Amino acid sequence: MAYLTQEVLQRKRIQLVPRCFLFMVTEETNKHLFLHCKYTAQLWNLFLNITGYSWAMPEHTTDLLSCWIRRGGSKSQKRWWRLIPSCIWCSVWRERNARCFEDRSNSIHKV
């Protein structure tokens, strides 16, 4: 992913507070922000509970994508199914930016 998380900014020698803006506990990396952050996990679990799927979160985003594309039903369902990780990650990124730049936060259900 090309998102400018703090991990990426630090590699470019731009120094910031190295904490995830969603819970301010763990260092913000792509892997943490999009897969393992408590906020993100709650969002994934909300979606998975609605759809009735059970899922063990993989270690890396690439692992998630390779497993994810094997799910879905008909051809049209698979097209929609493939959009879900991007939609969730975009929602997480927007929430992260709202907390970082606008000092505003939303509940999981509002996201």
PDB file of N, CA and C in Angstrom:
ATOM      1  N   MET A   1       0.831  -1.187   0.000  1.00  0.00           N
ATOM      2  CA  MET A   1       0.000   0.000   0.000  1.00  0.00           C
ATOM      3  C   MET A   1       0.870   1.243   0.000  1.00  0.00           C
ATOM      4  N   ALA A   2       0.372   2.280  -0.574  1.00  0.00           N
ATOM      5  CA  ALA A   2       1.127   3.527  -0.670  1.00  0.00           C
ATOM      6  C   ALA A   2       0.663   4.568   0.338  1.00  0.00           C
ATOM      7  N   TYR A   3      -0.053   4.160   1.374  1.00  0.00           N
ATOM      8  CA  TYR A   3      -0.497   5.118   2.380  1.00  0.00           C
ATOM      9  C   TYR A   3       0.699   5.626   3.172  1.00  0.00           C
ATOM     10  N   LEU A   4       0.689   6.913   3.465  1.00  0.00           N
ATOM     11  CA  LEU A   4       1.789   7.514   4.209  1.00  0.00           C
ATOM     12  C   LEU A   4       1.567   7.362   5.712  1.00  0.00           C
ATOM     13  N   THR A   5       1.686   6.137   6.174  1.00  0.00           N
ATOM     14  CA  THR A   5       1.617   5.909   7.613  1.00  0.00           C
ATOM     15  C   THR A   5       2.888   6.471   8.228  1.00  0.00           C
ATOM     16  N   GLN A   6       2.916   6.545   9.536  1.00  0.00           N
ATOM     17  CA  GLN A   6       4.094   7.083  10.204  1.00  0.00           C
ATOM     18  C   GLN A   6       5.326   6.239   9.915  1.00  0.00           C
ATOM     19  N   GLU A   7       5.143   4.946   9.714  1.00  0.00           N
ATOM     20  CA  GLU A   7       6.251   4.062   9.358  1.00  0.00           C
ATOM     21  C   GLU A   7       6.903   4.534   8.059  1.00  0.00           C
ATOM     22  N   VAL A   8       6.102   4.839   7.060  1.00  0.00           N
ATOM     23  CA  VAL A   8       6.615   5.295   5.762  1.00  0.00           C
ATOM     24  C   VAL A   8       7.244   6.677   5.897  1.00  0.00           C
ATOM     25  N   LEU A   9       6.600   7.577   6.629  1.00  0.00           N
ATOM     26  CA  LEU A   9       7.138   8.923   6.820  1.00  0.00           C
ATOM     27  C   LEU A   9       8.478   8.886   7.544  1.00  0.00           C
ATOM     28  N   GLN A  10       8.639   7.994   8.504  1.00  0.00           N
ATOM     29  CA  GLN A  10       9.914   7.877   9.208  1.00  0.00           C
ATOM     30  C   GLN A  10      11.022   7.416   8.271  1.00  0.00           C
ATOM     31  N   ARG A  11      10.702   6.524   7.351  1.00  0.00           N
ATOM     32  CA  ARG A  11      11.701   6.094   6.366  1.00  0.00           C
ATOM     33  C   ARG A  11      12.140   7.258   5.488  1.00  0.00           C
ATOM     34  N   LYS A  12      11.233   8.222   5.299  1.00  0.00           N
ATOM     35  CA  LYS A  12      11.559   9.413   4.509  1.00  0.00           C
ATOM     36  C   LYS A  12      12.161  10.509   5.389  1.00  0.00           C
ATOM     37  N   ARG A  13      12.467  10.144   6.639  1.00  0.00           N
ATOM     38  CA  ARG A  13      13.081  11.029   7.625  1.00  0.00           C
ATOM     39  C   ARG A  13      12.183  12.186   8.052  1.00  0.00           C
ATOM     40  N   ILE A  14      10.876  11.970   8.015  1.00  0.00           N
ATOM     41  CA  ILE A  14       9.913  12.933   8.534  1.00  0.00           C
ATOM     42  C   ILE A  14       9.486  12.408   9.899  1.00  0.00           C
ATOM     43  N   GLN A  15       9.834  13.120  10.953  1.00  0.00           N
ATOM     44  CA  GLN A  15       9.591  12.642  12.309  1.00  0.00           C
ATOM     45  C   GLN A  15       8.258  13.135  12.860  1.00  0.00           C
ATOM     46  N   LEU A  16       7.484  12.213  13.362  1.00  0.00           N
ATOM     47  CA  LEU A  16       6.206  12.491  14.000  1.00  0.00           C
ATOM     48  C   LEU A  16       6.106  11.642  15.256  1.00  0.00           C
ATOM     49  N   VAL A  17       5.018  11.777  15.970  1.00  0.00           N
ATOM     50  CA  VAL A  17       4.762  10.895  17.106  1.00  0.00           C
ATOM     51  C   VAL A  17       4.490   9.502  16.535  1.00  0.00           C
ATOM     52  N   PRO A  18       5.302   8.500  16.876  1.00  0.00           N
ATOM     53  CA  PRO A  18       5.160   7.184  16.235  1.00  0.00           C
ATOM     54  C   PRO A  18       4.071   6.306  16.848  1.00  0.00           C
ATOM     55  N   ARG A  19       2.885   6.836  16.995  1.00  0.00           N
ATOM     56  CA  ARG A  19       1.789   6.073  17.577  1.00  0.00           C
ATOM     57  C   ARG A  19       0.608   6.034  16.626  1.00  0.00           C
ATOM     58  N   CYS A  20      -0.111   4.942  16.669  1.00  0.00           N
ATOM     59  CA  CYS A  20      -1.333   4.806  15.893  1.00  0.00           C
ATOM     60  C   CYS A  20      -2.353   5.809  16.425  1.00  0.00           C
ATOM     61  N   PHE A  21      -2.936   6.611  15.568  1.00  0.00           N
ATOM     62  CA  PHE A  21      -3.874   7.642  15.986  1.00  0.00           C
ATOM     63  C   PHE A  21      -5.223   7.081  16.420  1.00  0.00           C
ATOM     64  N   LEU A  22      -5.475   5.827  16.158  1.00  0.00           N
ATOM     65  CA  LEU A  22      -6.767   5.263  16.526  1.00  0.00           C
ATOM     66  C   LEU A  22      -6.836   4.901  18.010  1.00  0.00           C
ATOM     67  N   PHE A  23      -5.724   4.420  18.585  1.00  0.00           N
ATOM     68  CA  PHE A  23      -5.712   4.104  20.016  1.00  0.00           C
ATOM     69  C   PHE A  23      -4.509   4.679  20.754  1.00  0.00           C
ATOM     70  N   MET A  24      -3.551   5.240  20.032  1.00  0.00           N
ATOM     71  CA  MET A  24      -2.363   5.873  20.615  1.00  0.00           C
ATOM     72  C   MET A  24      -1.569   4.921  21.511  1.00  0.00           C
ATOM     73  N   VAL A  25      -1.519   3.656  21.154  1.00  0.00           N
ATOM     74  CA  VAL A  25      -0.811   2.681  21.972  1.00  0.00           C
ATOM     75  C   VAL A  25       0.387   2.107  21.229  1.00  0.00           C
ATOM     76  N   THR A  26       0.167   1.610  20.041  1.00  0.00           N
ATOM     77  CA  THR A  26       1.183   0.889  19.277  1.00  0.00           C
ATOM     78  C   THR A  26       1.734   1.767  18.164  1.00  0.00           C
ATOM     79  N   GLU A  27       2.952   1.457  17.743  1.00  0.00           N
ATOM     80  CA  GLU A  27       3.539   2.173  16.614  1.00  0.00           C
ATOM     81  C   GLU A  27       2.672   1.965  15.374  1.00  0.00           C
ATOM     82  N   GLU A  28       2.516   3.027  14.598  1.00  0.00           N
ATOM     83  CA  GLU A  28       1.677   2.944  13.404  1.00  0.00           C
ATOM     84  C   GLU A  28       2.477   2.392  12.227  1.00  0.00           C
ATOM     85  N   THR A  29       2.125   1.191  11.830  1.00  0.00           N
ATOM     86  CA  THR A  29       2.675   0.578  10.623  1.00  0.00           C
ATOM     87  C   THR A  29       1.491   0.201   9.742  1.00  0.00           C
ATOM     88  N   ASN A  30       1.752  -0.072   8.481  1.00  0.00           N
ATOM     89  CA  ASN A  30       0.665  -0.512   7.598  1.00  0.00           C
ATOM     90  C   ASN A  30      -0.007  -1.763   8.155  1.00  0.00           C
ATOM     91  N   LYS A  31       0.816  -2.709   8.572  1.00  0.00           N
ATOM     92  CA  LYS A  31       0.294  -3.973   9.097  1.00  0.00           C
ATOM     93  C   LYS A  31      -0.584  -3.725  10.328  1.00  0.00           C
ATOM     94  N   HIS A  32      -0.101  -2.874  11.232  1.00  0.00           N
ATOM     95  CA  HIS A  32      -0.892  -2.591  12.432  1.00  0.00           C
ATOM     96  C   HIS A  32      -2.179  -1.858  12.078  1.00  0.00           C
ATOM     97  N   LEU A  33      -2.059  -0.759  11.343  1.00  0.00           N
ATOM     98  CA  LEU A  33      -3.213   0.099  11.073  1.00  0.00           C
ATOM     99  C   LEU A  33      -4.319  -0.633  10.323  1.00  0.00           C
ATOM    100  N   PHE A  34      -3.976  -1.400   9.310  1.00  0.00           N
ATOM    101  CA  PHE A  34      -4.988  -2.003   8.445  1.00  0.00           C
ATOM    102  C   PHE A  34      -5.416  -3.414   8.837  1.00  0.00           C
ATOM    103  N   LEU A  35      -4.678  -4.050   9.759  1.00  0.00           N
ATOM    104  CA  LEU A  35      -5.045  -5.415  10.149  1.00  0.00           C
ATOM    105  C   LEU A  35      -5.182  -5.622  11.651  1.00  0.00           C
ATOM    106  N   HIS A  36      -4.254  -5.100  12.437  1.00  0.00           N
ATOM    107  CA  HIS A  36      -4.149  -5.531  13.827  1.00  0.00           C
ATOM    108  C   HIS A  36      -4.510  -4.478  14.871  1.00  0.00           C
ATOM    109  N   CYS A  37      -4.804  -3.270  14.464  1.00  0.00           N
ATOM    110  CA  CYS A  37      -5.258  -2.244  15.404  1.00  0.00           C
ATOM    111  C   CYS A  37      -6.606  -2.675  15.987  1.00  0.00           C
ATOM    112  N   LYS A  38      -6.844  -2.384  17.259  1.00  0.00           N
ATOM    113  CA  LYS A  38      -8.115  -2.781  17.890  1.00  0.00           C
ATOM    114  C   LYS A  38      -9.308  -2.193  17.145  1.00  0.00           C
ATOM    115  N   TYR A  39      -9.186  -0.947  16.724  1.00  0.00           N
ATOM    116  CA  TYR A  39     -10.279  -0.273  16.007  1.00  0.00           C
ATOM    117  C   TYR A  39     -10.570  -0.995  14.691  1.00  0.00           C
ATOM    118  N   THR A  40      -9.520  -1.278  13.942  1.00  0.00           N
ATOM    119  CA  THR A  40      -9.664  -1.970  12.657  1.00  0.00           C
ATOM    120  C   THR A  40     -10.228  -3.373  12.861  1.00  0.00           C
ATOM    121  N   ALA A  41      -9.748  -4.068  13.879  1.00  0.00           N
ATOM    122  CA  ALA A  41     -10.255  -5.415  14.174  1.00  0.00           C
ATOM    123  C   ALA A  41     -11.749  -5.371  14.491  1.00  0.00           C
ATOM    124  N   GLN A  42     -12.178  -4.344  15.227  1.00  0.00           N
ATOM    125  CA  GLN A  42     -13.607  -4.204  15.530  1.00  0.00           C
ATOM    126  C   GLN A  42     -14.412  -3.981  14.253  1.00  0.00           C
ATOM    127  N   LEU A  43     -13.871  -3.191  13.339  1.00  0.00           N
ATOM    128  CA  LEU A  43     -14.556  -2.933  12.068  1.00  0.00           C
ATOM    129  C   LEU A  43     -14.655  -4.212  11.239  1.00  0.00           C
ATOM    130  N   TRP A  44     -13.550  -4.956  11.127  1.00  0.00           N
ATOM    131  CA  TRP A  44     -13.575  -6.237  10.412  1.00  0.00           C
ATOM    132  C   TRP A  44     -14.570  -7.196  11.062  1.00  0.00           C
ATOM    133  N   ASN A  45     -14.539  -7.287  12.393  1.00  0.00           N
ATOM    134  CA  ASN A  45     -15.448  -8.206  13.095  1.00  0.00           C
ATOM    135  C   ASN A  45     -16.903  -7.821  12.894  1.00  0.00           C
ATOM    136  N   LEU A  46     -17.197  -6.537  12.886  1.00  0.00           N
ATOM    137  CA  LEU A  46     -18.563  -6.079  12.638  1.00  0.00           C
ATOM    138  C   LEU A  46     -19.031  -6.558  11.268  1.00  0.00           C
ATOM    139  N   PHE A  47     -18.199  -6.351  10.258  1.00  0.00           N
ATOM    140  CA  PHE A  47     -18.547  -6.793   8.909  1.00  0.00           C
ATOM    141  C   PHE A  47     -18.694  -8.316   8.847  1.00  0.00           C
ATOM    142  N   LEU A  48     -17.734  -9.033   9.407  1.00  0.00           N
ATOM    143  CA  LEU A  48     -17.763 -10.498   9.335  1.00  0.00           C
ATOM    144  C   LEU A  48     -18.960 -11.079  10.080  1.00  0.00           C
ATOM    145  N   ASN A  49     -19.326 -10.476  11.202  1.00  0.00           N
ATOM    146  CA  ASN A  49     -20.514 -10.945  11.937  1.00  0.00           C
ATOM    147  C   ASN A  49     -21.784 -10.736  11.127  1.00  0.00           C
ATOM    148  N   ILE A  50     -21.876  -9.613  10.430  1.00  0.00           N
ATOM    149  CA  ILE A  50     -23.051  -9.332   9.597  1.00  0.00           C
ATOM    150  C   ILE A  50     -23.170 -10.356   8.473  1.00  0.00           C
ATOM    151  N   THR A  51     -22.037 -10.710   7.876  1.00  0.00           N
ATOM    152  CA  THR A  51     -22.052 -11.639   6.743  1.00  0.00           C
ATOM    153  C   THR A  51     -22.046 -13.105   7.163  1.00  0.00           C
ATOM    154  N   GLY A  52     -21.755 -13.376   8.435  1.00  0.00           N
ATOM    155  CA  GLY A  52     -21.741 -14.751   8.910  1.00  0.00           C
ATOM    156  C   GLY A  52     -20.443 -15.494   8.651  1.00  0.00           C
ATOM    157  N   TYR A  53     -19.397 -14.794   8.232  1.00  0.00           N
ATOM    158  CA  TYR A  53     -18.100 -15.435   8.001  1.00  0.00           C
ATOM    159  C   TYR A  53     -17.285 -15.436   9.284  1.00  0.00           C
ATOM    160  N   SER A  54     -16.493 -16.488   9.466  1.00  0.00           N
ATOM    161  CA  SER A  54     -15.502 -16.473  10.541  1.00  0.00           C
ATOM    162  C   SER A  54     -14.139 -16.361   9.867  1.00  0.00           C
ATOM    163  N   TRP A  55     -13.211 -15.712  10.538  1.00  0.00           N
ATOM    164  CA  TRP A  55     -11.976 -15.347   9.871  1.00  0.00           C
ATOM    165  C   TRP A  55     -10.873 -15.197  10.892  1.00  0.00           C
ATOM    166  N   ALA A  56      -9.712 -15.696  10.604  1.00  0.00           N
ATOM    167  CA  ALA A  56      -8.518 -15.431  11.407  1.00  0.00           C
ATOM    168  C   ALA A  56      -7.694 -14.414  10.632  1.00  0.00           C
ATOM    169  N   MET A  57      -7.409 -13.291  11.259  1.00  0.00           N
ATOM    170  CA  MET A  57      -6.700 -12.213  10.570  1.00  0.00           C
ATOM    171  C   MET A  57      -5.282 -12.656  10.231  1.00  0.00           C
ATOM    172  N   PRO A  58      -4.897 -12.569   8.963  1.00  0.00           N
ATOM    173  CA  PRO A  58      -3.537 -12.939   8.576  1.00  0.00           C
ATOM    174  C   PRO A  58      -2.514 -11.915   9.074  1.00  0.00           C
ATOM    175  N   GLU A  59      -1.262 -12.235   8.905  1.00  0.00           N
ATOM    176  CA  GLU A  59      -0.169 -11.379   9.377  1.00  0.00           C
ATOM    177  C   GLU A  59      -0.002 -10.122   8.521  1.00  0.00           C
ATOM    178  N   HIS A  60      -0.144 -10.245   7.209  1.00  0.00           N
ATOM    179  CA  HIS A  60       0.148  -9.134   6.291  1.00  0.00           C
ATOM    180  C   HIS A  60      -1.051  -8.826   5.400  1.00  0.00           C
ATOM    181  N   THR A  61      -1.102  -7.592   4.889  1.00  0.00           N
ATOM    182  CA  THR A  61      -2.195  -7.194   3.999  1.00  0.00           C
ATOM    183  C   THR A  61      -2.195  -8.028   2.721  1.00  0.00           C
ATOM    184  N   THR A  62      -1.021  -8.360   2.212  1.00  0.00           N
ATOM    185  CA  THR A  62      -0.967  -9.175   0.988  1.00  0.00           C
ATOM    186  C   THR A  62      -1.545 -10.571   1.231  1.00  0.00           C
ATOM    187  N   ASP A  63      -1.317 -11.115   2.428  1.00  0.00           N
ATOM    188  CA  ASP A  63      -1.897 -12.422   2.774  1.00  0.00           C
ATOM    189  C   ASP A  63      -3.415 -12.330   2.821  1.00  0.00           C
ATOM    190  N   LEU A  64      -3.931 -11.240   3.392  1.00  0.00           N
ATOM    191  CA  LEU A  64      -5.377 -11.061   3.455  1.00  0.00           C
ATOM    192  C   LEU A  64      -5.961 -11.023   2.049  1.00  0.00           C
ATOM    193  N   LEU A  65      -5.346 -10.245   1.176  1.00  0.00           N
ATOM    194  CA  LEU A  65      -5.879 -10.120  -0.184  1.00  0.00           C
ATOM    195  C   LEU A  65      -5.856 -11.447  -0.931  1.00  0.00           C
ATOM    196  N   SER A  66      -4.779 -12.213  -0.781  1.00  0.00           N
ATOM    197  CA  SER A  66      -4.710 -13.487  -1.513  1.00  0.00           C
ATOM    198  C   SER A  66      -5.748 -14.481  -0.991  1.00  0.00           C
ATOM    199  N   CYS A  67      -6.031 -14.469   0.298  1.00  0.00           N
ATOM    200  CA  CYS A  67      -7.084 -15.341   0.846  1.00  0.00           C
ATOM    201  C   CYS A  67      -8.468 -14.816   0.491  1.00  0.00           C
ATOM    202  N   TRP A  68      -8.617 -13.501   0.519  1.00  0.00           N
ATOM    203  CA  TRP A  68      -9.926 -12.876   0.348  1.00  0.00           C
ATOM    204  C   TRP A  68     -10.513 -13.146  -1.035  1.00  0.00           C
ATOM    205  N   ILE A  69      -9.679 -13.101  -2.063  1.00  0.00           N
ATOM    206  CA  ILE A  69     -10.207 -13.237  -3.425  1.00  0.00           C
ATOM    207  C   ILE A  69     -10.754 -14.631  -3.701  1.00  0.00           C
ATOM    208  N   ARG A  70     -10.427 -15.586  -2.855  1.00  0.00           N
ATOM    209  CA  ARG A  70     -10.951 -16.944  -3.036  1.00  0.00           C
ATOM    210  C   ARG A  70     -12.365 -17.095  -2.490  1.00  0.00           C
ATOM    211  N   ARG A  71     -12.847 -16.085  -1.783  1.00  0.00           N
ATOM    212  CA  ARG A  71     -14.194 -16.146  -1.200  1.00  0.00           C
ATOM    213  C   ARG A  71     -15.196 -15.492  -2.130  1.00  0.00           C
ATOM    214  N   GLY A  72     -16.450 -15.573  -1.765  1.00  0.00           N
ATOM    215  CA  GLY A  72     -17.522 -15.007  -2.589  1.00  0.00           C
ATOM    216  C   GLY A  72     -18.278 -16.135  -3.264  1.00  0.00           C
ATOM    217  N   GLY A  73     -19.324 -15.807  -3.958  1.00  0.00           N
ATOM    218  CA  GLY A  73     -20.146 -16.832  -4.587  1.00  0.00           C
ATOM    219  C   GLY A  73     -20.102 -16.730  -6.092  1.00  0.00           C
ATOM    220  N   SER A  74     -21.180 -16.189  -6.665  1.00  0.00           N
ATOM    221  CA  SER A  74     -21.275 -16.057  -8.118  1.00  0.00           C
ATOM    222  C   SER A  74     -20.257 -15.033  -8.622  1.00  0.00           C
ATOM    223  N   LYS A  75     -20.169 -14.920  -9.935  1.00  0.00           N
ATOM    224  CA  LYS A  75     -19.219 -13.995 -10.545  1.00  0.00           C
ATOM    225  C   LYS A  75     -19.477 -12.553 -10.097  1.00  0.00           C
ATOM    226  N   SER A  76     -20.742 -12.132 -10.084  1.00  0.00           N
ATOM    227  CA  SER A  76     -21.049 -10.756  -9.670  1.00  0.00           C
ATOM    228  C   SER A  76     -20.796 -10.565  -8.171  1.00  0.00           C
ATOM    229  N   GLN A  77     -21.072 -11.593  -7.374  1.00  0.00           N
ATOM    230  CA  GLN A  77     -20.781 -11.498  -5.942  1.00  0.00           C
ATOM    231  C   GLN A  77     -19.285 -11.367  -5.705  1.00  0.00           C
ATOM    232  N   LYS A  78     -18.479 -12.084  -6.459  1.00  0.00           N
ATOM    233  CA  LYS A  78     -17.025 -12.008  -6.299  1.00  0.00           C
ATOM    234  C   LYS A  78     -16.508 -10.613  -6.609  1.00  0.00           C
ATOM    235  N   ARG A  79     -17.102  -9.966  -7.617  1.00  0.00           N
ATOM    236  CA  ARG A  79     -16.676  -8.593  -7.933  1.00  0.00           C
ATOM    237  C   ARG A  79     -16.902  -7.670  -6.748  1.00  0.00           C
ATOM    238  N   TRP A  80     -18.082  -7.772  -6.147  1.00  0.00           N
ATOM    239  CA  TRP A  80     -18.378  -6.942  -4.977  1.00  0.00           C
ATOM    240  C   TRP A  80     -17.516  -7.350  -3.790  1.00  0.00           C
ATOM    241  N   TRP A  81     -17.338  -8.630  -3.614  1.00  0.00           N
ATOM    242  CA  TRP A  81     -16.569  -9.155  -2.489  1.00  0.00           C
ATOM    243  C   TRP A  81     -15.137  -8.626  -2.501  1.00  0.00           C
ATOM    244  N   ARG A  82     -14.552  -8.523  -3.679  1.00  0.00           N
ATOM    245  CA  ARG A  82     -13.167  -8.050  -3.793  1.00  0.00           C
ATOM    246  C   ARG A  82     -12.999  -6.590  -3.380  1.00  0.00           C
ATOM    247  N   LEU A  83     -14.075  -5.815  -3.386  1.00  0.00           N
ATOM    248  CA  LEU A  83     -14.012  -4.402  -2.995  1.00  0.00           C
ATOM    249  C   LEU A  83     -13.976  -4.203  -1.483  1.00  0.00           C
ATOM    250  N   ILE A  84     -14.404  -5.195  -0.744  1.00  0.00           N
ATOM    251  CA  ILE A  84     -14.583  -5.027   0.702  1.00  0.00           C
ATOM    252  C   ILE A  84     -13.298  -4.641   1.434  1.00  0.00           C
ATOM    253  N   PRO A  85     -12.160  -5.317   1.230  1.00  0.00           N
ATOM    254  CA  PRO A  85     -10.955  -4.871   1.943  1.00  0.00           C
ATOM    255  C   PRO A  85     -10.606  -3.407   1.652  1.00  0.00           C
ATOM    256  N   SER A  86     -10.720  -2.996   0.404  1.00  0.00           N
ATOM    257  CA  SER A  86     -10.418  -1.600   0.067  1.00  0.00           C
ATOM    258  C   SER A  86     -11.367  -0.641   0.764  1.00  0.00           C
ATOM    259  N   CYS A  87     -12.634  -1.001   0.834  1.00  0.00           N
ATOM    260  CA  CYS A  87     -13.622  -0.149   1.519  1.00  0.00           C
ATOM    261  C   CYS A  87     -13.317  -0.043   3.008  1.00  0.00           C
ATOM    262  N   ILE A  88     -12.983  -1.157   3.622  1.00  0.00           N
ATOM    263  CA  ILE A  88     -12.658  -1.135   5.053  1.00  0.00           C
ATOM    264  C   ILE A  88     -11.387  -0.335   5.285  1.00  0.00           C
ATOM    265  N   TRP A  89     -10.370  -0.561   4.478  1.00  0.00           N
ATOM    266  CA  TRP A  89      -9.113   0.167   4.662  1.00  0.00           C
ATOM    267  C   TRP A  89      -9.273   1.660   4.405  1.00  0.00           C
ATOM    268  N   CYS A  90     -10.082   2.015   3.430  1.00  0.00           N
ATOM    269  CA  CYS A  90     -10.346   3.432   3.165  1.00  0.00           C
ATOM    270  C   CYS A  90     -11.065   4.063   4.358  1.00  0.00           C
ATOM    271  N   SER A  91     -12.008   3.352   4.938  1.00  0.00           N
ATOM    272  CA  SER A  91     -12.723   3.849   6.120  1.00  0.00           C
ATOM    273  C   SER A  91     -11.779   4.027   7.304  1.00  0.00           C
ATOM    274  N   VAL A  92     -10.881   3.073   7.498  1.00  0.00           N
ATOM    275  CA  VAL A  92      -9.894   3.169   8.576  1.00  0.00           C
ATOM    276  C   VAL A  92      -8.989   4.374   8.341  1.00  0.00           C
ATOM    277  N   TRP A  93      -8.542   4.554   7.102  1.00  0.00           N
ATOM    278  CA  TRP A  93      -7.648   5.669   6.775  1.00  0.00           C
ATOM    279  C   TRP A  93      -8.348   7.012   7.001  1.00  0.00           C
ATOM    280  N   ARG A  94      -9.600   7.116   6.619  1.00  0.00           N
ATOM    281  CA  ARG A  94     -10.350   8.363   6.847  1.00  0.00           C
ATOM    282  C   ARG A  94     -10.518   8.643   8.333  1.00  0.00           C
ATOM    283  N   GLU A  95     -10.815   7.611   9.096  1.00  0.00           N
ATOM    284  CA  GLU A  95     -10.964   7.791  10.544  1.00  0.00           C
ATOM    285  C   GLU A  95      -9.637   8.186  11.172  1.00  0.00           C
ATOM    286  N   ARG A  96      -8.578   7.563  10.737  1.00  0.00           N
ATOM    287  CA  ARG A  96      -7.241   7.910  11.229  1.00  0.00           C
ATOM    288  C   ARG A  96      -6.945   9.377  10.954  1.00  0.00           C
ATOM    289  N   ASN A  97      -7.230   9.841   9.733  1.00  0.00           N
ATOM    290  CA  ASN A  97      -6.969  11.236   9.379  1.00  0.00           C
ATOM    291  C   ASN A  97      -7.876  12.202  10.129  1.00  0.00           C
ATOM    292  N   ALA A  98      -9.116  11.829  10.368  1.00  0.00           N
ATOM    293  CA  ALA A  98     -10.020  12.681  11.148  1.00  0.00           C
ATOM    294  C   ALA A  98      -9.475  12.871  12.559  1.00  0.00           C
ATOM    295  N   ARG A  99      -8.947  11.813  13.137  1.00  0.00           N
ATOM    296  CA  ARG A  99      -8.384  11.912  14.483  1.00  0.00           C
ATOM    297  C   ARG A  99      -7.068  12.675  14.482  1.00  0.00           C
ATOM    298  N   CYS A 100      -6.280  12.476  13.450  1.00  0.00           N
ATOM    299  CA  CYS A 100      -4.965  13.105  13.361  1.00  0.00           C
ATOM    300  C   CYS A 100      -5.061  14.599  13.060  1.00  0.00           C
ATOM    301  N   PHE A 101      -5.872  14.970  12.081  1.00  0.00           N
ATOM    302  CA  PHE A 101      -5.871  16.340  11.571  1.00  0.00           C
ATOM    303  C   PHE A 101      -7.060  17.186  12.000  1.00  0.00           C
ATOM    304  N   GLU A 102      -8.158  16.552  12.404  1.00  0.00           N
ATOM    305  CA  GLU A 102      -9.367  17.310  12.735  1.00  0.00           C
ATOM    306  C   GLU A 102      -9.786  17.155  14.194  1.00  0.00           C
ATOM    307  N   ASP A 103      -9.036  16.370  14.962  1.00  0.00           N
ATOM    308  CA  ASP A 103      -9.339  16.128  16.369  1.00  0.00           C
ATOM    309  C   ASP A 103     -10.790  15.681  16.562  1.00  0.00           C
ATOM    310  N   ARG A 104     -11.221  14.760  15.703  1.00  0.00           N
ATOM    311  CA  ARG A 104     -12.595  14.266  15.734  1.00  0.00           C
ATOM    312  C   ARG A 104     -12.552  12.755  15.569  1.00  0.00           C
ATOM    313  N   SER A 105     -13.430  12.055  16.291  1.00  0.00           N
ATOM    314  CA  SER A 105     -13.458  10.595  16.171  1.00  0.00           C
ATOM    315  C   SER A 105     -14.893  10.100  16.046  1.00  0.00           C
ATOM    316  N   ASN A 106     -15.035   8.968  15.405  1.00  0.00           N
ATOM    317  CA  ASN A 106     -16.339   8.337  15.195  1.00  0.00           C
ATOM    318  C   ASN A 106     -16.344   6.950  15.819  1.00  0.00           C
ATOM    319  N   SER A 107     -17.523   6.505  16.193  1.00  0.00           N
ATOM    320  CA  SER A 107     -17.658   5.135  16.687  1.00  0.00           C
ATOM    321  C   SER A 107     -17.557   4.174  15.499  1.00  0.00           C
ATOM    322  N   ILE A 108     -17.306   2.928  15.804  1.00  0.00           N
ATOM    323  CA  ILE A 108     -17.233   1.891  14.768  1.00  0.00           C
ATOM    324  C   ILE A 108     -18.519   1.854  13.954  1.00  0.00           C
ATOM    325  N   HIS A 109     -19.658   1.973  14.602  1.00  0.00           N
ATOM    326  CA  HIS A 109     -20.941   1.873  13.903  1.00  0.00           C
ATOM    327  C   HIS A 109     -21.189   3.061  12.983  1.00  0.00           C
ATOM    328  N   LYS A 110     -20.583   4.197  13.278  1.00  0.00           N
ATOM    329  CA  LYS A 110     -20.749   5.364  12.413  1.00  0.00           C
ATOM    330  C   LYS A 110     -19.852   5.273  11.181  1.00  0.00           C
ATOM    331  N   VAL A 111     -18.701   4.639  11.346  1.00  0.00           N
ATOM    332  CA  VAL A 111     -17.769   4.495  10.223  1.00  0.00           C
ATOM    333  C   VAL A 111     -18.402   3.612   9.183  1.00  0.00           C
TER     334      VAL A 111
END
